[in-house]
Amino acid sequence: MNRIQKRKQAIKCLYASMALITLSIATFMMKLVMIVSAVTGIMFFLIYLHLSFKYWRCPSCGEQFPVVYSRMDQRTECWYCLESIIED
């Protein structure tokens, strides 16, 4: 699995965490649902942070890629050292 695919998974975790945290806010009258969705949303957000900081950097020079995903969507090389970021 290459870095672009891991970034797509991280973005999905971010969207899931936002949805779950919104659900926990919307269901404040149902305490169990609120707690479970809030904890799960926070866990998805932590997974997003882990994937972003660990895998969203160049394997050659170690520079962090831009946070905005659309800038890296079609790129196959690093912005800084021009080495390939696609791992076979």
C-alpha atoms as a PDB file:
ATOM      1  CA  MET A   1       0.000   0.000   0.000  1.00  0.00           C
ATOM      2  CA  ASN A   2       1.514   3.323  -1.017  1.00  0.00           C
ATOM      3  CA  ARG A   3       1.431   6.680   0.731  1.00  0.00           C
ATOM      4  CA  ILE A   4      -1.417   8.048  -1.380  1.00  0.00           C
ATOM      5  CA  GLN A   5      -3.660   5.113  -0.379  1.00  0.00           C
ATOM      6  CA  LYS A   6      -2.738   5.554   3.285  1.00  0.00           C
ATOM      7  CA  ARG A   7      -3.596   9.242   2.998  1.00  0.00           C
ATOM      8  CA  LYS A   8      -6.999   8.352   1.514  1.00  0.00           C
ATOM      9  CA  GLN A   9      -7.610   6.065   4.503  1.00  0.00           C
ATOM     10  CA  ALA A  10      -6.582   8.861   6.856  1.00  0.00           C
ATOM     11  CA  ILE A  11      -9.028  11.268   5.213  1.00  0.00           C
ATOM     12  CA  LYS A  12     -11.818   8.679   5.560  1.00  0.00           C
ATOM     13  CA  CYS A  13     -10.994   8.392   9.272  1.00  0.00           C
ATOM     14  CA  LEU A  14     -11.181  12.169   9.584  1.00  0.00           C
ATOM     15  CA  TYR A  15     -14.620  12.269   7.937  1.00  0.00           C
ATOM     16  CA  ALA A  16     -15.843   9.395  10.114  1.00  0.00           C
ATOM     17  CA  SER A  17     -14.622  11.156  13.252  1.00  0.00           C
ATOM     18  CA  MET A  18     -16.401  14.372  12.280  1.00  0.00           C
ATOM     19  CA  ALA A  19     -19.636  12.476  11.632  1.00  0.00           C
ATOM     20  CA  LEU A  20     -19.433  10.562  14.915  1.00  0.00           C
ATOM     21  CA  ILE A  21     -18.634  13.628  16.981  1.00  0.00           C
ATOM     22  CA  THR A  22     -21.536  15.460  15.331  1.00  0.00           C
ATOM     23  CA  LEU A  23     -23.761  12.482  16.152  1.00  0.00           C
ATOM     24  CA  SER A  24     -22.641  12.605  19.770  1.00  0.00           C
ATOM     25  CA  ILE A  25     -23.552  16.295  19.956  1.00  0.00           C
ATOM     26  CA  ALA A  26     -26.934  15.673  18.331  1.00  0.00           C
ATOM     27  CA  THR A  27     -27.826  12.840  20.720  1.00  0.00           C
ATOM     28  CA  PHE A  28     -27.063  14.581  24.002  1.00  0.00           C
ATOM     29  CA  MET A  29     -30.284  13.239  25.525  1.00  0.00           C
ATOM     30  CA  MET A  30     -29.238   9.605  24.989  1.00  0.00           C
ATOM     31  CA  LYS A  31     -26.185   9.356  27.215  1.00  0.00           C
ATOM     32  CA  LEU A  32     -24.914   5.930  26.082  1.00  0.00           C
ATOM     33  CA  VAL A  33     -25.113   6.752  22.370  1.00  0.00           C
ATOM     34  CA  MET A  34     -23.465  10.107  23.009  1.00  0.00           C
ATOM     35  CA  ILE A  35     -20.552   8.590  24.923  1.00  0.00           C
ATOM     36  CA  VAL A  36     -19.970   5.718  22.493  1.00  0.00           C
ATOM     37  CA  SER A  37     -20.085   7.934  19.410  1.00  0.00           C
ATOM     38  CA  ALA A  38     -17.848  10.583  21.003  1.00  0.00           C
ATOM     39  CA  VAL A  39     -15.220   8.039  22.070  1.00  0.00           C
ATOM     40  CA  THR A  40     -15.311   6.328  18.679  1.00  0.00           C
ATOM     41  CA  GLY A  41     -15.044   9.688  16.914  1.00  0.00           C
ATOM     42  CA  ILE A  42     -12.035  10.642  19.001  1.00  0.00           C
ATOM     43  CA  MET A  43     -10.396   7.290  18.234  1.00  0.00           C
ATOM     44  CA  PHE A  44     -10.926   7.816  14.486  1.00  0.00           C
ATOM     45  CA  PHE A  45      -9.409  11.297  14.803  1.00  0.00           C
ATOM     46  CA  LEU A  46      -6.363   9.875  16.583  1.00  0.00           C
ATOM     47  CA  ILE A  47      -5.974   7.266  13.819  1.00  0.00           C
ATOM     48  CA  TYR A  48      -6.133  10.100  11.280  1.00  0.00           C
ATOM     49  CA  LEU A  49      -3.380  11.991  13.109  1.00  0.00           C
ATOM     50  CA  HIS A  50      -1.215   8.879  13.359  1.00  0.00           C
ATOM     51  CA  LEU A  51      -1.532   8.047   9.653  1.00  0.00           C
ATOM     52  CA  SER A  52      -0.973  11.652   8.633  1.00  0.00           C
ATOM     53  CA  PHE A  53       2.164  12.220  10.675  1.00  0.00           C
ATOM     54  CA  LYS A  54       3.707   8.808  10.066  1.00  0.00           C
ATOM     55  CA  TYR A  55       3.024   8.211   6.378  1.00  0.00           C
ATOM     56  CA  TRP A  56       2.401  11.642   4.830  1.00  0.00           C
ATOM     57  CA  ARG A  57       6.067  12.510   4.417  1.00  0.00           C
ATOM     58  CA  CYS A  58       8.718  11.789   1.830  1.00  0.00           C
ATOM     59  CA  PRO A  59      10.521   8.478   2.375  1.00  0.00           C
ATOM     60  CA  SER A  60      13.755   9.938   0.963  1.00  0.00           C
ATOM     61  CA  CYS A  61      14.158  13.424   2.438  1.00  0.00           C
ATOM     62  CA  GLY A  62      11.645  13.164   5.307  1.00  0.00           C
ATOM     63  CA  GLU A  63       9.834  16.420   4.483  1.00  0.00           C
ATOM     64  CA  GLN A  64       6.146  16.618   5.378  1.00  0.00           C
ATOM     65  CA  PHE A  65       3.840  16.812   2.340  1.00  0.00           C
ATOM     66  CA  PRO A  66       1.239  19.601   2.057  1.00  0.00           C
ATOM     67  CA  VAL A  67      -1.800  19.101   4.261  1.00  0.00           C
ATOM     68  CA  VAL A  68      -4.164  19.933   1.412  1.00  0.00           C
ATOM     69  CA  TYR A  69      -4.730  16.554  -0.225  1.00  0.00           C
ATOM     70  CA  SER A  70      -5.749  17.931  -3.620  1.00  0.00           C
ATOM     71  CA  ARG A  71      -2.225  19.247  -4.166  1.00  0.00           C
ATOM     72  CA  MET A  72      -0.806  15.725  -3.873  1.00  0.00           C
ATOM     73  CA  ASP A  73      -3.634  13.828  -5.551  1.00  0.00           C
ATOM     74  CA  GLN A  74      -1.941  13.297  -8.915  1.00  0.00           C
ATOM     75  CA  ARG A  75       1.703  13.616  -7.894  1.00  0.00           C
ATOM     76  CA  THR A  76       4.006  10.617  -7.924  1.00  0.00           C
ATOM     77  CA  GLU A  77       7.146  12.394  -6.740  1.00  0.00           C
ATOM     78  CA  CYS A  78       8.157  14.467  -3.745  1.00  0.00           C
ATOM     79  CA  TRP A  79       7.747  18.242  -3.984  1.00  0.00           C
ATOM     80  CA  TYR A  80      11.155  18.809  -2.429  1.00  0.00           C
ATOM     81  CA  CYS A  81      13.612  16.139  -3.653  1.00  0.00           C
ATOM     82  CA  LEU A  82      11.637  14.834  -6.697  1.00  0.00           C
ATOM     83  CA  GLU A  83      12.081  11.200  -5.614  1.00  0.00           C
ATOM     84  CA  SER A  84       9.224   8.780  -6.311  1.00  0.00           C
ATOM     85  CA  ILE A  85       6.718   8.412  -3.466  1.00  0.00           C
ATOM     86  CA  ILE A  86       4.993   5.364  -4.984  1.00  0.00           C
ATOM     87  CA  GLU A  87       6.308   2.204  -3.364  1.00  0.00           C
ATOM     88  CA  ASP A  88       5.946  -1.077  -5.239  1.00  0.00           C
END
